[in-house]
Amino acid sequence: MLQGLQKPRKELSSKYFYDERGSRLFEQICLLDEYYITRTELYIMQERVQEMVSLLGPNCLLIEYGSGNSAKIRMLLDVLQAPAGYVPDGFVR
């Protein structure tokens, strides 16, 4: 971890984000102006959620890898038509 953070261009392996402390750290990183990925994903979800729902159809089983705090997937779950179920990461083997 120290090696990656001492580099001129900081890096940190994603394996450190999988515990509670790492998850909190990742959520803080997502708020940084430089970290545009989460904002971009949220924008895409907001713009395309109805299209996603129509493609998934009713009674779909939604499996999500890397669910994190589930903020993005919540937008989809709120509008899905009678989903058969939702399986967040950690339950998929």
C-alpha atoms as a PDB file:
ATOM      1  CA  MET A   1       0.000   0.000   0.000  1.00  0.00           C
ATOM      2  CA  LEU A   2       2.782   2.428   0.952  1.00  0.00           C
ATOM      3  CA  GLN A   3       4.614   1.747  -2.303  1.00  0.00           C
ATOM      4  CA  GLY A   4       1.597   2.745  -4.367  1.00  0.00           C
ATOM      5  CA  LEU A   5       0.910   5.883  -2.344  1.00  0.00           C
ATOM      6  CA  GLN A   6       4.548   7.023  -2.569  1.00  0.00           C
ATOM      7  CA  LYS A   7       4.509   7.044  -6.374  1.00  0.00           C
ATOM      8  CA  PRO A   8       4.218  10.403  -8.183  1.00  0.00           C
ATOM      9  CA  ARG A   9       0.921   9.192  -9.612  1.00  0.00           C
ATOM     10  CA  LYS A  10      -0.754   7.580  -6.586  1.00  0.00           C
ATOM     11  CA  GLU A  11      -2.321   4.147  -6.908  1.00  0.00           C
ATOM     12  CA  LEU A  12      -3.939   1.722  -4.541  1.00  0.00           C
ATOM     13  CA  SER A  13      -4.987  -1.833  -5.246  1.00  0.00           C
ATOM     14  CA  SER A  14      -8.754  -2.309  -5.216  1.00  0.00           C
ATOM     15  CA  LYS A  15      -8.355  -5.240  -2.807  1.00  0.00           C
ATOM     16  CA  TYR A  16      -8.059  -2.671  -0.010  1.00  0.00           C
ATOM     17  CA  PHE A  17     -11.596  -1.425  -0.660  1.00  0.00           C
ATOM     18  CA  TYR A  18     -13.347  -4.646   0.292  1.00  0.00           C
ATOM     19  CA  ASP A  19     -13.574  -4.205   4.057  1.00  0.00           C
ATOM     20  CA  GLU A  20     -15.634  -1.607   5.944  1.00  0.00           C
ATOM     21  CA  ARG A  21     -12.755   0.842   6.335  1.00  0.00           C
ATOM     22  CA  GLY A  22     -11.771   0.467   2.684  1.00  0.00           C
ATOM     23  CA  SER A  23     -15.347   0.999   1.596  1.00  0.00           C
ATOM     24  CA  ARG A  24     -15.498   4.284   3.519  1.00  0.00           C
ATOM     25  CA  LEU A  25     -12.196   5.341   1.929  1.00  0.00           C
ATOM     26  CA  PHE A  26     -13.499   4.528  -1.544  1.00  0.00           C
ATOM     27  CA  GLU A  27     -16.659   6.572  -0.944  1.00  0.00           C
ATOM     28  CA  GLN A  28     -14.445   9.536   0.006  1.00  0.00           C
ATOM     29  CA  ILE A  29     -12.364   9.037  -3.152  1.00  0.00           C
ATOM     30  CA  CYS A  30     -15.554   9.067  -5.226  1.00  0.00           C
ATOM     31  CA  LEU A  31     -16.280  12.596  -3.972  1.00  0.00           C
ATOM     32  CA  LEU A  32     -12.999  13.977  -5.341  1.00  0.00           C
ATOM     33  CA  ASP A  33     -13.221  16.152  -8.454  1.00  0.00           C
ATOM     34  CA  GLU A  34     -10.499  14.024 -10.064  1.00  0.00           C
ATOM     35  CA  TYR A  35     -12.540  10.839  -9.678  1.00  0.00           C
ATOM     36  CA  TYR A  36     -15.166  11.275 -12.363  1.00  0.00           C
ATOM     37  CA  ILE A  37     -16.084   7.601 -12.802  1.00  0.00           C
ATOM     38  CA  THR A  38     -18.844   7.458 -10.187  1.00  0.00           C
ATOM     39  CA  ARG A  39     -20.395  10.736 -11.372  1.00  0.00           C
ATOM     40  CA  THR A  40     -20.341   9.439 -14.948  1.00  0.00           C
ATOM     41  CA  GLU A  41     -21.973   6.145 -13.928  1.00  0.00           C
ATOM     42  CA  LEU A  42     -24.667   8.009 -11.983  1.00  0.00           C
ATOM     43  CA  TYR A  43     -25.341  10.253 -14.979  1.00  0.00           C
ATOM     44  CA  ILE A  44     -25.666   7.243 -17.297  1.00  0.00           C
ATOM     45  CA  MET A  45     -28.001   5.531 -14.835  1.00  0.00           C
ATOM     46  CA  GLN A  46     -30.185   8.643 -14.572  1.00  0.00           C
ATOM     47  CA  GLU A  47     -30.310   9.124 -18.337  1.00  0.00           C
ATOM     48  CA  ARG A  48     -30.840   5.467 -19.286  1.00  0.00           C
ATOM     49  CA  VAL A  49     -32.649   3.834 -16.365  1.00  0.00           C
ATOM     50  CA  GLN A  50     -35.944   3.475 -18.270  1.00  0.00           C
ATOM     51  CA  GLU A  51     -34.143   1.936 -21.227  1.00  0.00           C
ATOM     52  CA  MET A  52     -32.420  -0.534 -18.895  1.00  0.00           C
ATOM     53  CA  VAL A  53     -35.739  -1.438 -17.286  1.00  0.00           C
ATOM     54  CA  SER A  54     -37.351  -2.116 -20.663  1.00  0.00           C
ATOM     55  CA  LEU A  55     -34.420  -4.292 -21.751  1.00  0.00           C
ATOM     56  CA  LEU A  56     -34.417  -6.260 -18.486  1.00  0.00           C
ATOM     57  CA  GLY A  57     -38.170  -6.709 -18.497  1.00  0.00           C
ATOM     58  CA  PRO A  58     -40.389  -7.874 -15.648  1.00  0.00           C
ATOM     59  CA  ASN A  59     -39.368 -10.702 -13.324  1.00  0.00           C
ATOM     60  CA  CYS A  60     -35.647 -10.348 -14.025  1.00  0.00           C
ATOM     61  CA  LEU A  61     -33.028 -11.596 -11.597  1.00  0.00           C
ATOM     62  CA  LEU A  62     -30.509  -8.795 -11.129  1.00  0.00           C
ATOM     63  CA  ILE A  63     -26.973  -9.831 -10.151  1.00  0.00           C
ATOM     64  CA  GLU A  64     -24.502  -7.063  -9.380  1.00  0.00           C
ATOM     65  CA  TYR A  65     -20.771  -7.458  -8.997  1.00  0.00           C
ATOM     66  CA  GLY A  66     -19.041  -4.780  -6.934  1.00  0.00           C
ATOM     67  CA  SER A  67     -22.188  -3.364  -5.386  1.00  0.00           C
ATOM     68  CA  GLY A  68     -20.360  -1.125  -2.913  1.00  0.00           C
ATOM     69  CA  ASN A  69     -22.892   1.065  -1.138  1.00  0.00           C
ATOM     70  CA  SER A  70     -25.542   0.176  -3.772  1.00  0.00           C
ATOM     71  CA  ALA A  71     -26.371   3.835  -4.495  1.00  0.00           C
ATOM     72  CA  LYS A  72     -26.325   3.375  -8.274  1.00  0.00           C
ATOM     73  CA  ILE A  73     -28.196   0.093  -8.368  1.00  0.00           C
ATOM     74  CA  ARG A  74     -30.891   1.534  -6.090  1.00  0.00           C
ATOM     75  CA  MET A  75     -32.027   3.748  -9.005  1.00  0.00           C
ATOM     76  CA  LEU A  76     -32.635   0.635 -11.081  1.00  0.00           C
ATOM     77  CA  LEU A  77     -34.211  -1.409  -8.295  1.00  0.00           C
ATOM     78  CA  ASP A  78     -36.663   1.401  -7.575  1.00  0.00           C
ATOM     79  CA  VAL A  79     -38.159   1.202 -11.069  1.00  0.00           C
ATOM     80  CA  LEU A  80     -37.829  -2.478 -12.041  1.00  0.00           C
ATOM     81  CA  GLN A  81     -41.124  -4.245 -12.681  1.00  0.00           C
ATOM     82  CA  ALA A  82     -41.572  -7.054 -10.145  1.00  0.00           C
ATOM     83  CA  PRO A  83     -37.947  -8.242 -10.099  1.00  0.00           C
ATOM     84  CA  ALA A  84     -37.506 -11.927  -9.306  1.00  0.00           C
ATOM     85  CA  GLY A  85     -34.620 -10.969  -7.039  1.00  0.00           C
ATOM     86  CA  TYR A  86     -31.459  -9.016  -6.481  1.00  0.00           C
ATOM     87  CA  VAL A  87     -28.109 -10.626  -5.683  1.00  0.00           C
ATOM     88  CA  PRO A  88     -25.385  -8.156  -4.625  1.00  0.00           C
ATOM     89  CA  ASP A  89     -21.703  -8.994  -4.786  1.00  0.00           C
ATOM     90  CA  GLY A  90     -20.607 -11.142  -1.893  1.00  0.00           C
ATOM     91  CA  PHE A  91     -23.456 -13.608  -2.375  1.00  0.00           C
ATOM     92  CA  VAL A  92     -22.346 -14.791  -5.819  1.00  0.00           C
ATOM     93  CA  ARG A  93     -20.041 -17.809  -5.828  1.00  0.00           C
END
